[in-house]
Amino acid sequence: MRGFPKNARILSMYVRFCEGRTVSKAAEAKRFGVDERSIQRDIDDIRAFLDERGADGDTRAIVYDRTKKGFVMTGAEPSMMTNSEILAVSKILLESRAFTKRELNAVLDKMLAGCVPLCNMKLVSDLIANEKYHYVELHHKEYIQDKLWTIGSDIHEHQLVSLRYARANAPRESIKRIVEPVAILFSEYYFYLNAFIVEKDRQGKYVHKYDYPAIFRIDRIKNYKRMDEKFKVSYANRFEEGEFRKRIQFMFAGRLMKIQLKYYGDNPEAILDRLPTACVTEQYDHEYIIEAEAFGKGILMWLLSQGSRVEVLRPVNLREEMKDTISRMLERYL
């Protein structure tokens, strides 16, 4: 490679540094047909470049590693994920069971190839290999990644859409809806579309059927089509998925409720973590009064999962529904 341009020579070494390779001055001098002093100047240029980026949080540096008998890159670029972050995200993806096995493997492989230094790639791959092998798909086995992007685009562009939605108890049957898509959420293994169901009024304009959004599991959406009509959203009335997410349990839609409950125990952390809007209003020995806001009937399912540690105080209709459900559960065991 004698006569190789200096800039191309520096870029070649920089790429190999980023890949986690060890760079030897002697080997590089032979590779490019220059003396070792030229290679040292190239390394110094790379060091100067990284020093300038240090002001932006780039912690990378070129150091000599005596055990490897060459120069290596240490630290990390701020826009790149660390090994720990990659491992954590991989574990979360595997636990979520959000994708088919083929989709999941493709996502994980891209993450590893794009973010993990070559020298650590085998280690990270080995740490998740067993879970990848034993990964169990959900029963629907729908490929949803393209659906997510299409729906996301329609949300951004405020585009009315029509869809057919398969019923949970009769998957071969479906119902047609015209909706205003407002958000995509993920919960308990599935991706969901939040959308306001609309219907035409007497003037032929689309209006909301309910004052709260419906929730559609995306893998059950069939015949999703963009319509030639947009909907308007004022800034004051825009849907905020973050606020909605704080108040929904198990993606069961419904009206917003203010609830009050009593927690029996020493630490109400599980309640406060599960219900982001919750706050302790009173505290006694081994008892806490907690208030929160929640949409729909999903909160009932979660409260039942807490057994005798939780007692619903109000609203009265939710308390009565809890009592009725518990009575019917008890009957099955008598």
C-alpha atoms as a PDB file:
ATOM      1  CA  MET A   1       0.000   0.000   0.000  1.00  0.00           C
ATOM      2  CA  ARG A   2       2.953   2.312  -0.601  1.00  0.00           C
ATOM      3  CA  GLY A   3       1.839   5.787  -1.519  1.00  0.00           C
ATOM      4  CA  PHE A   4      -1.478   5.403   0.326  1.00  0.00           C
ATOM      5  CA  PRO A   5      -2.895   8.931   1.023  1.00  0.00           C
ATOM      6  CA  LYS A   6      -2.389  10.092   4.607  1.00  0.00           C
ATOM      7  CA  ASN A   7      -6.065  10.917   5.161  1.00  0.00           C
ATOM      8  CA  ALA A   8      -7.161   7.484   3.974  1.00  0.00           C
ATOM      9  CA  ARG A   9      -4.465   5.922   6.183  1.00  0.00           C
ATOM     10  CA  ILE A  10      -5.752   7.766   9.267  1.00  0.00           C
ATOM     11  CA  LEU A  11      -9.367   6.849   8.475  1.00  0.00           C
ATOM     12  CA  SER A  12      -8.408   3.198   8.085  1.00  0.00           C
ATOM     13  CA  MET A  13      -6.798   3.141  11.527  1.00  0.00           C
ATOM     14  CA  TYR A  14      -9.661   5.125  13.088  1.00  0.00           C
ATOM     15  CA  VAL A  15     -12.224   2.604  11.840  1.00  0.00           C
ATOM     16  CA  ARG A  16     -10.219  -0.283  13.264  1.00  0.00           C
ATOM     17  CA  PHE A  17      -9.855   1.535  16.584  1.00  0.00           C
ATOM     18  CA  CYS A  18     -13.662   1.972  16.671  1.00  0.00           C
ATOM     19  CA  GLU A  19     -14.090  -1.748  15.969  1.00  0.00           C
ATOM     20  CA  GLY A  20     -12.049  -2.540  19.082  1.00  0.00           C
ATOM     21  CA  ARG A  21      -8.956  -3.759  17.232  1.00  0.00           C
ATOM     22  CA  THR A  22      -5.371  -3.357  18.410  1.00  0.00           C
ATOM     23  CA  VAL A  23      -3.156  -1.200  16.210  1.00  0.00           C
ATOM     24  CA  SER A  24       0.577  -1.917  16.089  1.00  0.00           C
ATOM     25  CA  LYS A  25       2.912   0.801  14.810  1.00  0.00           C
ATOM     26  CA  ALA A  26       5.244  -1.715  13.218  1.00  0.00           C
ATOM     27  CA  ALA A  27       2.413  -3.563  11.470  1.00  0.00           C
ATOM     28  CA  GLU A  28       0.829  -0.322  10.240  1.00  0.00           C
ATOM     29  CA  ALA A  29       4.165   0.967   8.948  1.00  0.00           C
ATOM     30  CA  LYS A  30       4.587  -2.242   6.941  1.00  0.00           C
ATOM     31  CA  ARG A  31       0.965  -2.170   5.751  1.00  0.00           C
ATOM     32  CA  PHE A  32       1.193   1.356   4.357  1.00  0.00           C
ATOM     33  CA  GLY A  33       4.861   1.418   3.356  1.00  0.00           C
ATOM     34  CA  VAL A  34       5.860   4.280   5.688  1.00  0.00           C
ATOM     35  CA  ASP A  35       8.078   4.548   8.737  1.00  0.00           C
ATOM     36  CA  GLU A  36       6.819   4.197  12.310  1.00  0.00           C
ATOM     37  CA  ARG A  37       7.205   7.930  12.955  1.00  0.00           C
ATOM     38  CA  SER A  38       4.534   8.601  10.308  1.00  0.00           C
ATOM     39  CA  ILE A  39       2.194   6.121  12.026  1.00  0.00           C
ATOM     40  CA  GLN A  40       2.859   7.829  15.384  1.00  0.00           C
ATOM     41  CA  ARG A  41       1.914  11.191  13.853  1.00  0.00           C
ATOM     42  CA  ASP A  42      -1.284   9.614  12.487  1.00  0.00           C
ATOM     43  CA  ILE A  43      -2.147   8.293  15.948  1.00  0.00           C
ATOM     44  CA  ASP A  44      -1.434  11.735  17.423  1.00  0.00           C
ATOM     45  CA  ASP A  45      -3.846  13.259  14.874  1.00  0.00           C
ATOM     46  CA  ILE A  46      -6.562  10.805  15.939  1.00  0.00           C
ATOM     47  CA  ARG A  47      -5.864  11.647  19.592  1.00  0.00           C
ATOM     48  CA  ALA A  48      -6.207  15.359  18.840  1.00  0.00           C
ATOM     49  CA  PHE A  49      -9.522  14.744  17.083  1.00  0.00           C
ATOM     50  CA  LEU A  50     -10.865  12.807  20.099  1.00  0.00           C
ATOM     51  CA  ASP A  51      -9.596  15.486  22.503  1.00  0.00           C
ATOM     52  CA  GLU A  52     -11.662  18.108  20.643  1.00  0.00           C
ATOM     53  CA  ARG A  53     -14.764  15.908  20.959  1.00  0.00           C
ATOM     54  CA  GLY A  54     -14.176  15.534  24.693  1.00  0.00           C
ATOM     55  CA  ALA A  55     -15.976  18.831  25.305  1.00  0.00           C
ATOM     56  CA  ASP A  56     -19.166  17.181  23.983  1.00  0.00           C
ATOM     57  CA  GLY A  57     -18.894  14.244  26.362  1.00  0.00           C
ATOM     58  CA  ASP A  58     -16.868  11.904  24.151  1.00  0.00           C
ATOM     59  CA  THR A  59     -14.674   9.902  26.551  1.00  0.00           C
ATOM     60  CA  ARG A  60     -12.752   7.954  23.912  1.00  0.00           C
ATOM     61  CA  ALA A  61      -8.955   8.005  23.955  1.00  0.00           C
ATOM     62  CA  ILE A  62      -6.106   6.151  22.262  1.00  0.00           C
ATOM     63  CA  VAL A  63      -3.769   4.461  24.768  1.00  0.00           C
ATOM     64  CA  TYR A  64      -0.933   1.945  24.567  1.00  0.00           C
ATOM     65  CA  ASP A  65      -1.838  -1.484  25.962  1.00  0.00           C
ATOM     66  CA  ARG A  66       1.314  -3.344  27.025  1.00  0.00           C
ATOM     67  CA  THR A  67      -0.446  -6.707  27.246  1.00  0.00           C
ATOM     68  CA  LYS A  68      -1.626  -6.402  23.632  1.00  0.00           C
ATOM     69  CA  LYS A  69       1.568  -4.720  22.475  1.00  0.00           C
ATOM     70  CA  GLY A  70      -0.320  -2.061  20.573  1.00  0.00           C
ATOM     71  CA  PHE A  71      -2.638   0.928  20.716  1.00  0.00           C
ATOM     72  CA  VAL A  72      -6.333   0.548  21.570  1.00  0.00           C
ATOM     73  CA  MET A  73      -9.327   2.858  21.946  1.00  0.00           C
ATOM     74  CA  THR A  74     -10.888   3.216  25.398  1.00  0.00           C
ATOM     75  CA  GLY A  75     -14.026   5.051  26.546  1.00  0.00           C
ATOM     76  CA  ALA A  76     -17.217   5.586  24.582  1.00  0.00           C
ATOM     77  CA  GLU A  77     -18.826   8.026  22.188  1.00  0.00           C
ATOM     78  CA  PRO A  78     -21.812   9.763  23.897  1.00  0.00           C
ATOM     79  CA  SER A  79     -24.233   8.785  21.117  1.00  0.00           C
ATOM     80  CA  MET A  80     -23.263   5.110  21.370  1.00  0.00           C
ATOM     81  CA  MET A  81     -24.763   2.736  23.891  1.00  0.00           C
ATOM     82  CA  THR A  82     -22.420   1.195  26.432  1.00  0.00           C
ATOM     83  CA  ASN A  83     -22.016  -2.570  26.827  1.00  0.00           C
ATOM     84  CA  SER A  84     -24.150  -2.433  29.981  1.00  0.00           C
ATOM     85  CA  GLU A  85     -26.882  -0.479  28.184  1.00  0.00           C
ATOM     86  CA  ILE A  86     -26.897  -2.902  25.256  1.00  0.00           C
ATOM     87  CA  LEU A  87     -27.141  -5.868  27.623  1.00  0.00           C
ATOM     88  CA  ALA A  88     -29.957  -4.237  29.623  1.00  0.00           C
ATOM     89  CA  VAL A  89     -31.973  -3.331  26.508  1.00  0.00           C
ATOM     90  CA  SER A  90     -31.471  -6.826  25.082  1.00  0.00           C
ATOM     91  CA  LYS A  91     -32.782  -8.389  28.284  1.00  0.00           C
ATOM     92  CA  ILE A  92     -35.814  -6.074  28.240  1.00  0.00           C
ATOM     93  CA  LEU A  93     -36.593  -6.944  24.615  1.00  0.00           C
ATOM     94  CA  LEU A  94     -36.325 -10.658  25.337  1.00  0.00           C
ATOM     95  CA  GLU A  95     -38.563 -10.373  28.403  1.00  0.00           C
ATOM     96  CA  SER A  96     -41.151  -8.232  26.589  1.00  0.00           C
ATOM     97  CA  ARG A  97     -41.936 -10.961  24.010  1.00  0.00           C
ATOM     98  CA  ALA A  98     -43.119  -8.088  21.814  1.00  0.00           C
ATOM     99  CA  PHE A  99     -41.814  -9.501  18.520  1.00  0.00           C
ATOM    100  CA  THR A 100     -41.774 -12.717  16.578  1.00  0.00           C
ATOM    101  CA  LYS A 101     -38.558 -14.691  16.902  1.00  0.00           C
ATOM    102  CA  ARG A 102     -37.421 -13.603  13.445  1.00  0.00           C
ATOM    103  CA  GLU A 103     -38.077  -9.921  14.203  1.00  0.00           C
ATOM    104  CA  LEU A 104     -36.365 -10.142  17.586  1.00  0.00           C
ATOM    105  CA  ASN A 105     -33.222 -11.818  16.233  1.00  0.00           C
ATOM    106  CA  ALA A 106     -32.931  -9.159  13.521  1.00  0.00           C
ATOM    107  CA  VAL A 107     -33.256  -6.300  16.046  1.00  0.00           C
ATOM    108  CA  LEU A 108     -30.742  -7.823  18.473  1.00  0.00           C
ATOM    109  CA  ASP A 109     -28.220  -8.573  15.725  1.00  0.00           C
ATOM    110  CA  LYS A 110     -28.410  -4.986  14.448  1.00  0.00           C
ATOM    111  CA  MET A 111     -27.983  -3.590  17.950  1.00  0.00           C
ATOM    112  CA  LEU A 112     -24.930  -5.722  18.599  1.00  0.00           C
ATOM    113  CA  ALA A 113     -23.353  -5.002  15.227  1.00  0.00           C
ATOM    114  CA  GLY A 114     -23.971  -1.255  15.452  1.00  0.00           C
ATOM    115  CA  CYS A 115     -23.202  -0.508  19.089  1.00  0.00           C
ATOM    116  CA  VAL A 116     -20.931  -3.135  20.621  1.00  0.00           C
ATOM    117  CA  PRO A 117     -17.141  -2.955  20.057  1.00  0.00           C
ATOM    118  CA  LEU A 118     -15.807  -5.978  18.218  1.00  0.00           C
ATOM    119  CA  CYS A 119     -13.774  -7.088  21.221  1.00  0.00           C
ATOM    120  CA  ASN A 120     -16.906  -7.296  23.412  1.00  0.00           C
ATOM    121  CA  MET A 121     -19.383  -8.613  20.854  1.00  0.00           C
ATOM    122  CA  LYS A 122     -18.891 -12.304  21.662  1.00  0.00           C
ATOM    123  CA  LEU A 123     -19.251 -11.649  25.398  1.00  0.00           C
ATOM    124  CA  VAL A 124     -22.565  -9.794  24.989  1.00  0.00           C
ATOM    125  CA  SER A 125     -23.807 -12.372  22.463  1.00  0.00           C
ATOM    126  CA  ASP A 126     -22.975 -15.220  24.852  1.00  0.00           C
ATOM    127  CA  LEU A 127     -24.817 -13.488  27.723  1.00  0.00           C
ATOM    128  CA  ILE A 128     -28.094 -13.457  25.779  1.00  0.00           C
ATOM    129  CA  ALA A 129     -27.614 -16.577  23.629  1.00  0.00           C
ATOM    130  CA  ASN A 130     -29.564 -18.934  25.904  1.00  0.00           C
ATOM    131  CA  GLU A 131     -32.559 -16.616  26.142  1.00  0.00           C
ATOM    132  CA  LYS A 132     -32.554 -16.115  22.362  1.00  0.00           C
ATOM    133  CA  TYR A 133     -32.556 -19.871  21.845  1.00  0.00           C
ATOM    134  CA  HIS A 134     -35.445 -20.482  24.262  1.00  0.00           C
ATOM    135  CA  TYR A 135     -37.435 -17.405  23.229  1.00  0.00           C
ATOM    136  CA  VAL A 136     -41.149 -18.226  22.914  1.00  0.00           C
ATOM    137  CA  GLU A 137     -43.252 -16.251  20.475  1.00  0.00           C
ATOM    138  CA  LEU A 138     -46.749 -15.116  21.333  1.00  0.00           C
ATOM    139  CA  HIS A 139     -49.520 -17.157  19.758  1.00  0.00           C
ATOM    140  CA  HIS A 140     -50.592 -14.532  17.214  1.00  0.00           C
ATOM    141  CA  LYS A 141     -47.156 -14.570  15.454  1.00  0.00           C
ATOM    142  CA  GLU A 142     -47.993 -11.369  13.559  1.00  0.00           C
ATOM    143  CA  TYR A 143     -45.234  -9.278  12.003  1.00  0.00           C
ATOM    144  CA  ILE A 144     -46.016  -5.794  13.282  1.00  0.00           C
ATOM    145  CA  GLN A 145     -42.937  -3.642  12.652  1.00  0.00           C
ATOM    146  CA  ASP A 146     -44.231  -2.262   9.323  1.00  0.00           C
ATOM    147  CA  LYS A 147     -47.641  -1.662  10.913  1.00  0.00           C
ATOM    148  CA  LEU A 148     -46.037   0.388  13.679  1.00  0.00           C
ATOM    149  CA  TRP A 149     -44.306   2.728  11.222  1.00  0.00           C
ATOM    150  CA  THR A 150     -47.424   3.158   9.070  1.00  0.00           C
ATOM    151  CA  ILE A 151     -49.594   3.930  12.097  1.00  0.00           C
ATOM    152  CA  GLY A 152     -46.939   6.242  13.531  1.00  0.00           C
ATOM    153  CA  SER A 153     -46.874   8.231  10.279  1.00  0.00           C
ATOM    154  CA  ASP A 154     -50.666   8.598  10.303  1.00  0.00           C
ATOM    155  CA  ILE A 155     -50.579   9.786  13.923  1.00  0.00           C
ATOM    156  CA  HIS A 156     -47.965  12.396  13.047  1.00  0.00           C
ATOM    157  CA  GLU A 157     -49.926  13.595  10.010  1.00  0.00           C
ATOM    158  CA  HIS A 158     -53.346  13.553  11.775  1.00  0.00           C
ATOM    159  CA  GLN A 159     -54.762  11.200   9.161  1.00  0.00           C
ATOM    160  CA  LEU A 160     -58.176   9.573   9.555  1.00  0.00           C
ATOM    161  CA  VAL A 161     -58.010   5.806   9.000  1.00  0.00           C
ATOM    162  CA  SER A 162     -60.456   2.967   8.582  1.00  0.00           C
ATOM    163  CA  LEU A 163     -59.792  -0.474   9.968  1.00  0.00           C
ATOM    164  CA  ARG A 164     -61.366  -3.785  10.745  1.00  0.00           C
ATOM    165  CA  TYR A 165     -60.724  -5.110  14.237  1.00  0.00           C
ATOM    166  CA  ALA A 166     -60.836  -8.808  15.108  1.00  0.00           C
ATOM    167  CA  ARG A 167     -62.759  -9.598  18.280  1.00  0.00           C
ATOM    168  CA  ALA A 168     -60.868 -11.283  21.113  1.00  0.00           C
ATOM    169  CA  ASN A 169     -63.513 -13.976  21.653  1.00  0.00           C
ATOM    170  CA  ALA A 170     -64.173 -14.467  17.928  1.00  0.00           C
ATOM    171  CA  PRO A 171     -60.956 -13.778  15.993  1.00  0.00           C
ATOM    172  CA  ARG A 172     -62.532 -14.696  12.640  1.00  0.00           C
ATOM    173  CA  GLU A 173     -65.113 -11.946  13.068  1.00  0.00           C
ATOM    174  CA  SER A 174     -64.274  -8.269  12.803  1.00  0.00           C
ATOM    175  CA  ILE A 175     -65.902  -4.876  13.183  1.00  0.00           C
ATOM    176  CA  LYS A 176     -65.245  -1.821  11.016  1.00  0.00           C
ATOM    177  CA  ARG A 177     -64.192   1.451  12.630  1.00  0.00           C
ATOM    178  CA  ILE A 178     -63.232   4.934  11.449  1.00  0.00           C
ATOM    179  CA  VAL A 179     -60.718   6.378  13.910  1.00  0.00           C
ATOM    180  CA  GLU A 180     -58.425   9.272  14.708  1.00  0.00           C
ATOM    181  CA  PRO A 181     -55.123   7.562  15.669  1.00  0.00           C
ATOM    182  CA  VAL A 182     -53.391   9.423  18.499  1.00  0.00           C
ATOM    183  CA  ALA A 183     -50.759   7.161  20.108  1.00  0.00           C
ATOM    184  CA  ILE A 184     -48.952   3.820  20.108  1.00  0.00           C
ATOM    185  CA  LEU A 185     -48.372   2.187  23.489  1.00  0.00           C
ATOM    186  CA  PHE A 186     -46.802  -1.070  24.650  1.00  0.00           C
ATOM    187  CA  SER A 187     -48.036  -3.078  27.622  1.00  0.00           C
ATOM    188  CA  GLU A 188     -47.914  -6.712  28.770  1.00  0.00           C
ATOM    189  CA  TYR A 189     -46.512  -8.296  25.581  1.00  0.00           C
ATOM    190  CA  TYR A 190     -48.548  -6.283  23.032  1.00  0.00           C
ATOM    191  CA  PHE A 191     -48.463  -3.031  21.082  1.00  0.00           C
ATOM    192  CA  TYR A 192     -51.674  -1.002  21.164  1.00  0.00           C
ATOM    193  CA  LEU A 193     -53.167   1.824  19.126  1.00  0.00           C
ATOM    194  CA  ASN A 194     -54.984   4.540  21.039  1.00  0.00           C
ATOM    195  CA  ALA A 195     -57.588   6.151  18.795  1.00  0.00           C
ATOM    196  CA  PHE A 196     -60.809   8.092  19.045  1.00  0.00           C
ATOM    197  CA  ILE A 197     -63.676   6.299  17.323  1.00  0.00           C
ATOM    198  CA  VAL A 198     -65.543   8.756  15.097  1.00  0.00           C
ATOM    199  CA  GLU A 199     -68.886   8.741  13.288  1.00  0.00           C
ATOM    200  CA  LYS A 200     -70.651  11.240  11.055  1.00  0.00           C
ATOM    201  CA  ASP A 201     -73.073  13.735  12.546  1.00  0.00           C
ATOM    202  CA  ARG A 202     -76.115  15.175  10.749  1.00  0.00           C
ATOM    203  CA  GLN A 203     -73.898  17.626   8.869  1.00  0.00           C
ATOM    204  CA  GLY A 204     -71.710  14.802   7.603  1.00  0.00           C
ATOM    205  CA  LYS A 205     -68.742  15.729   9.784  1.00  0.00           C
ATOM    206  CA  TYR A 206     -66.790  13.149  11.758  1.00  0.00           C
ATOM    207  CA  VAL A 207     -67.189  13.610  15.525  1.00  0.00           C
ATOM    208  CA  HIS A 208     -65.958  11.605  18.525  1.00  0.00           C
ATOM    209  CA  LYS A 209     -68.301   8.795  19.550  1.00  0.00           C
ATOM    210  CA  TYR A 210     -66.848   8.821  23.092  1.00  0.00           C
ATOM    211  CA  ASP A 211     -64.930  11.425  25.070  1.00  0.00           C
ATOM    212  CA  TYR A 212     -62.078   8.999  25.741  1.00  0.00           C
ATOM    213  CA  PRO A 213     -59.918   6.986  23.303  1.00  0.00           C
ATOM    214  CA  ALA A 214     -60.511   3.353  22.425  1.00  0.00           C
ATOM    215  CA  ILE A 215     -57.660   0.857  22.603  1.00  0.00           C
ATOM    216  CA  PHE A 216     -56.909  -1.558  19.750  1.00  0.00           C
ATOM    217  CA  ARG A 217     -54.345  -4.344  19.965  1.00  0.00           C
ATOM    218  CA  ILE A 218     -52.294  -3.804  16.827  1.00  0.00           C
ATOM    219  CA  ASP A 219     -51.890  -7.486  15.912  1.00  0.00           C
ATOM    220  CA  ARG A 220     -55.716  -7.730  15.717  1.00  0.00           C
ATOM    221  CA  ILE A 221     -56.058  -4.798  13.310  1.00  0.00           C
ATOM    222  CA  LYS A 222     -56.991  -5.924   9.795  1.00  0.00           C
ATOM    223  CA  ASN A 223     -57.485  -3.961   6.565  1.00  0.00           C
ATOM    224  CA  TYR A 224     -55.870  -0.815   7.930  1.00  0.00           C
ATOM    225  CA  LYS A 225     -56.334   1.980   5.349  1.00  0.00           C
ATOM    226  CA  ARG A 226     -55.511   5.679   5.307  1.00  0.00           C
ATOM    227  CA  MET A 227     -58.485   7.863   4.338  1.00  0.00           C
ATOM    228  CA  ASP A 228     -58.387  11.008   2.202  1.00  0.00           C
ATOM    229  CA  GLU A 229     -59.237  13.196   5.163  1.00  0.00           C
ATOM    230  CA  LYS A 230     -57.295  14.670   8.054  1.00  0.00           C
ATOM    231  CA  PHE A 231     -58.485  15.570  11.542  1.00  0.00           C
ATOM    232  CA  LYS A 232     -57.652  18.703  13.463  1.00  0.00           C
ATOM    233  CA  VAL A 233     -56.082  18.725  16.914  1.00  0.00           C
ATOM    234  CA  SER A 234     -55.796  21.922  18.917  1.00  0.00           C
ATOM    235  CA  TYR A 235     -52.727  22.272  21.099  1.00  0.00           C
ATOM    236  CA  ALA A 236     -54.869  22.587  24.224  1.00  0.00           C
ATOM    237  CA  ASN A 237     -56.799  19.384  23.450  1.00  0.00           C
ATOM    238  CA  ARG A 238     -53.952  17.277  22.099  1.00  0.00           C
ATOM    239  CA  PHE A 239     -53.718  13.713  23.378  1.00  0.00           C
ATOM    240  CA  GLU A 240     -50.756  13.157  25.698  1.00  0.00           C
ATOM    241  CA  GLU A 241     -49.862   9.480  25.766  1.00  0.00           C
ATOM    242  CA  GLY A 242     -47.521   9.962  28.724  1.00  0.00           C
ATOM    243  CA  GLU A 243     -50.351  11.219  30.920  1.00  0.00           C
ATOM    244  CA  PHE A 244     -52.707   8.523  29.617  1.00  0.00           C
ATOM    245  CA  ARG A 245     -50.073   5.850  30.295  1.00  0.00           C
ATOM    246  CA  LYS A 246     -49.933   6.852  33.964  1.00  0.00           C
ATOM    247  CA  ARG A 247     -53.627   6.115  34.371  1.00  0.00           C
ATOM    248  CA  ILE A 248     -54.235   2.920  32.392  1.00  0.00           C
ATOM    249  CA  GLN A 249     -53.932  -0.695  33.541  1.00  0.00           C
ATOM    250  CA  PHE A 250     -53.841  -3.699  31.174  1.00  0.00           C
ATOM    251  CA  MET A 251     -55.044  -1.460  28.313  1.00  0.00           C
ATOM    252  CA  PHE A 252     -58.720  -1.565  29.243  1.00  0.00           C
ATOM    253  CA  ALA A 253     -60.357   1.647  28.053  1.00  0.00           C
ATOM    254  CA  GLY A 254     -63.007   3.576  29.958  1.00  0.00           C
ATOM    255  CA  ARG A 255     -63.730   6.809  31.760  1.00  0.00           C
ATOM    256  CA  LEU A 256     -61.278   8.423  34.138  1.00  0.00           C
ATOM    257  CA  MET A 257     -61.898   7.536  37.788  1.00  0.00           C
ATOM    258  CA  LYS A 258     -60.538   8.962  41.003  1.00  0.00           C
ATOM    259  CA  ILE A 259     -59.972   6.063  43.383  1.00  0.00           C
ATOM    260  CA  GLN A 260     -59.112   5.789  47.054  1.00  0.00           C
ATOM    261  CA  LEU A 261     -57.823   2.599  48.592  1.00  0.00           C
ATOM    262  CA  LYS A 262     -56.303   1.297  51.783  1.00  0.00           C
ATOM    263  CA  TYR A 263     -53.053  -0.629  51.665  1.00  0.00           C
ATOM    264  CA  TYR A 264     -52.261  -3.083  54.476  1.00  0.00           C
ATOM    265  CA  GLY A 265     -48.525  -3.553  54.921  1.00  0.00           C
ATOM    266  CA  ASP A 266     -45.260  -1.868  55.769  1.00  0.00           C
ATOM    267  CA  ASN A 267     -44.241  -0.583  52.343  1.00  0.00           C
ATOM    268  CA  PRO A 268     -46.695   0.678  49.664  1.00  0.00           C
ATOM    269  CA  GLU A 269     -43.924   0.920  47.056  1.00  0.00           C
ATOM    270  CA  ALA A 270     -45.561  -1.710  44.824  1.00  0.00           C
ATOM    271  CA  ILE A 271     -48.732   0.389  44.636  1.00  0.00           C
ATOM    272  CA  LEU A 272     -46.892   3.656  44.014  1.00  0.00           C
ATOM    273  CA  ASP A 273     -44.716   2.107  41.303  1.00  0.00           C
ATOM    274  CA  ARG A 274     -47.674   0.498  39.526  1.00  0.00           C
ATOM    275  CA  LEU A 275     -49.900   3.595  39.704  1.00  0.00           C
ATOM    276  CA  PRO A 276     -47.780   6.629  38.754  1.00  0.00           C
ATOM    277  CA  THR A 277     -50.565   9.046  39.778  1.00  0.00           C
ATOM    278  CA  ALA A 278     -50.835   7.521  43.269  1.00  0.00           C
ATOM    279  CA  CYS A 279     -49.972   9.416  46.424  1.00  0.00           C
ATOM    280  CA  VAL A 280     -50.207   8.577  50.121  1.00  0.00           C
ATOM    281  CA  THR A 281     -52.697  10.882  51.850  1.00  0.00           C
ATOM    282  CA  GLU A 282     -52.753   9.251  55.290  1.00  0.00           C
ATOM    283  CA  GLN A 283     -50.463   6.827  57.111  1.00  0.00           C
ATOM    284  CA  TYR A 284     -51.031   4.660  60.192  1.00  0.00           C
ATOM    285  CA  ASP A 285     -49.282   1.624  61.691  1.00  0.00           C
ATOM    286  CA  HIS A 286     -49.092  -0.889  58.811  1.00  0.00           C
ATOM    287  CA  GLU A 287     -51.849   0.958  56.898  1.00  0.00           C
ATOM    288  CA  TYR A 288     -51.789   3.600  54.162  1.00  0.00           C
ATOM    289  CA  ILE A 289     -54.581   5.571  52.501  1.00  0.00           C
ATOM    290  CA  ILE A 290     -53.704   6.065  48.836  1.00  0.00           C
ATOM    291  CA  GLU A 291     -55.433   8.117  46.149  1.00  0.00           C
ATOM    292  CA  ALA A 292     -54.920   7.810  42.388  1.00  0.00           C
ATOM    293  CA  GLU A 293     -56.516   8.312  38.977  1.00  0.00           C
ATOM    294  CA  ALA A 294     -57.182   5.468  36.549  1.00  0.00           C
ATOM    295  CA  PHE A 295     -58.947   4.852  33.241  1.00  0.00           C
ATOM    296  CA  GLY A 296     -61.393   2.015  32.729  1.00  0.00           C
ATOM    297  CA  LYS A 297     -61.797  -1.426  34.258  1.00  0.00           C
ATOM    298  CA  GLY A 298     -58.171  -2.512  33.997  1.00  0.00           C
ATOM    299  CA  ILE A 299     -57.582  -1.117  37.472  1.00  0.00           C
ATOM    300  CA  LEU A 300     -60.081  -3.676  38.826  1.00  0.00           C
ATOM    301  CA  MET A 301     -58.013  -6.550  37.423  1.00  0.00           C
ATOM    302  CA  TRP A 302     -54.842  -5.228  38.980  1.00  0.00           C
ATOM    303  CA  LEU A 303     -56.407  -4.513  42.379  1.00  0.00           C
ATOM    304  CA  LEU A 304     -57.726  -8.082  42.503  1.00  0.00           C
ATOM    305  CA  SER A 305     -54.173  -9.336  41.941  1.00  0.00           C
ATOM    306  CA  GLN A 306     -53.132  -7.655  45.208  1.00  0.00           C
ATOM    307  CA  GLY A 307     -55.285  -9.979  47.317  1.00  0.00           C
ATOM    308  CA  SER A 308     -55.942  -8.984  50.921  1.00  0.00           C
ATOM    309  CA  ARG A 309     -53.301  -6.244  50.913  1.00  0.00           C
ATOM    310  CA  VAL A 310     -55.676  -3.784  49.236  1.00  0.00           C
ATOM    311  CA  GLU A 311     -59.189  -2.552  50.060  1.00  0.00           C
ATOM    312  CA  VAL A 312     -61.038  -0.199  47.701  1.00  0.00           C
ATOM    313  CA  LEU A 313     -62.717   2.649  49.596  1.00  0.00           C
ATOM    314  CA  ARG A 314     -64.161   4.657  46.714  1.00  0.00           C
ATOM    315  CA  PRO A 315     -65.727   5.186  44.293  1.00  0.00           C
ATOM    316  CA  VAL A 316     -68.604   3.163  45.710  1.00  0.00           C
ATOM    317  CA  ASN A 317     -69.413   1.459  42.410  1.00  0.00           C
ATOM    318  CA  LEU A 318     -65.821   0.166  42.114  1.00  0.00           C
ATOM    319  CA  ARG A 319     -65.908  -1.075  45.733  1.00  0.00           C
ATOM    320  CA  GLU A 320     -69.191  -2.906  45.045  1.00  0.00           C
ATOM    321  CA  GLU A 321     -67.761  -4.401  41.846  1.00  0.00           C
ATOM    322  CA  MET A 322     -64.743  -5.646  43.805  1.00  0.00           C
ATOM    323  CA  LYS A 323     -67.036  -7.247  46.409  1.00  0.00           C
ATOM    324  CA  ASP A 324     -69.196  -8.867  43.715  1.00  0.00           C
ATOM    325  CA  THR A 325     -66.165 -10.226  41.828  1.00  0.00           C
ATOM    326  CA  ILE A 326     -64.580 -11.623  45.012  1.00  0.00           C
ATOM    327  CA  SER A 327     -67.891 -13.296  45.960  1.00  0.00           C
ATOM    328  CA  ARG A 328     -68.147 -14.969  42.551  1.00  0.00           C
ATOM    329  CA  MET A 329     -64.522 -16.104  42.840  1.00  0.00           C
ATOM    330  CA  LEU A 330     -65.207 -17.595  46.266  1.00  0.00           C
ATOM    331  CA  GLU A 331     -68.244 -19.486  44.937  1.00  0.00           C
ATOM    332  CA  ARG A 332     -66.016 -21.380  42.520  1.00  0.00           C
ATOM    333  CA  TYR A 333     -64.049 -22.795  45.443  1.00  0.00           C
ATOM    334  CA  LEU A 334     -66.997 -23.801  47.615  1.00  0.00           C
END
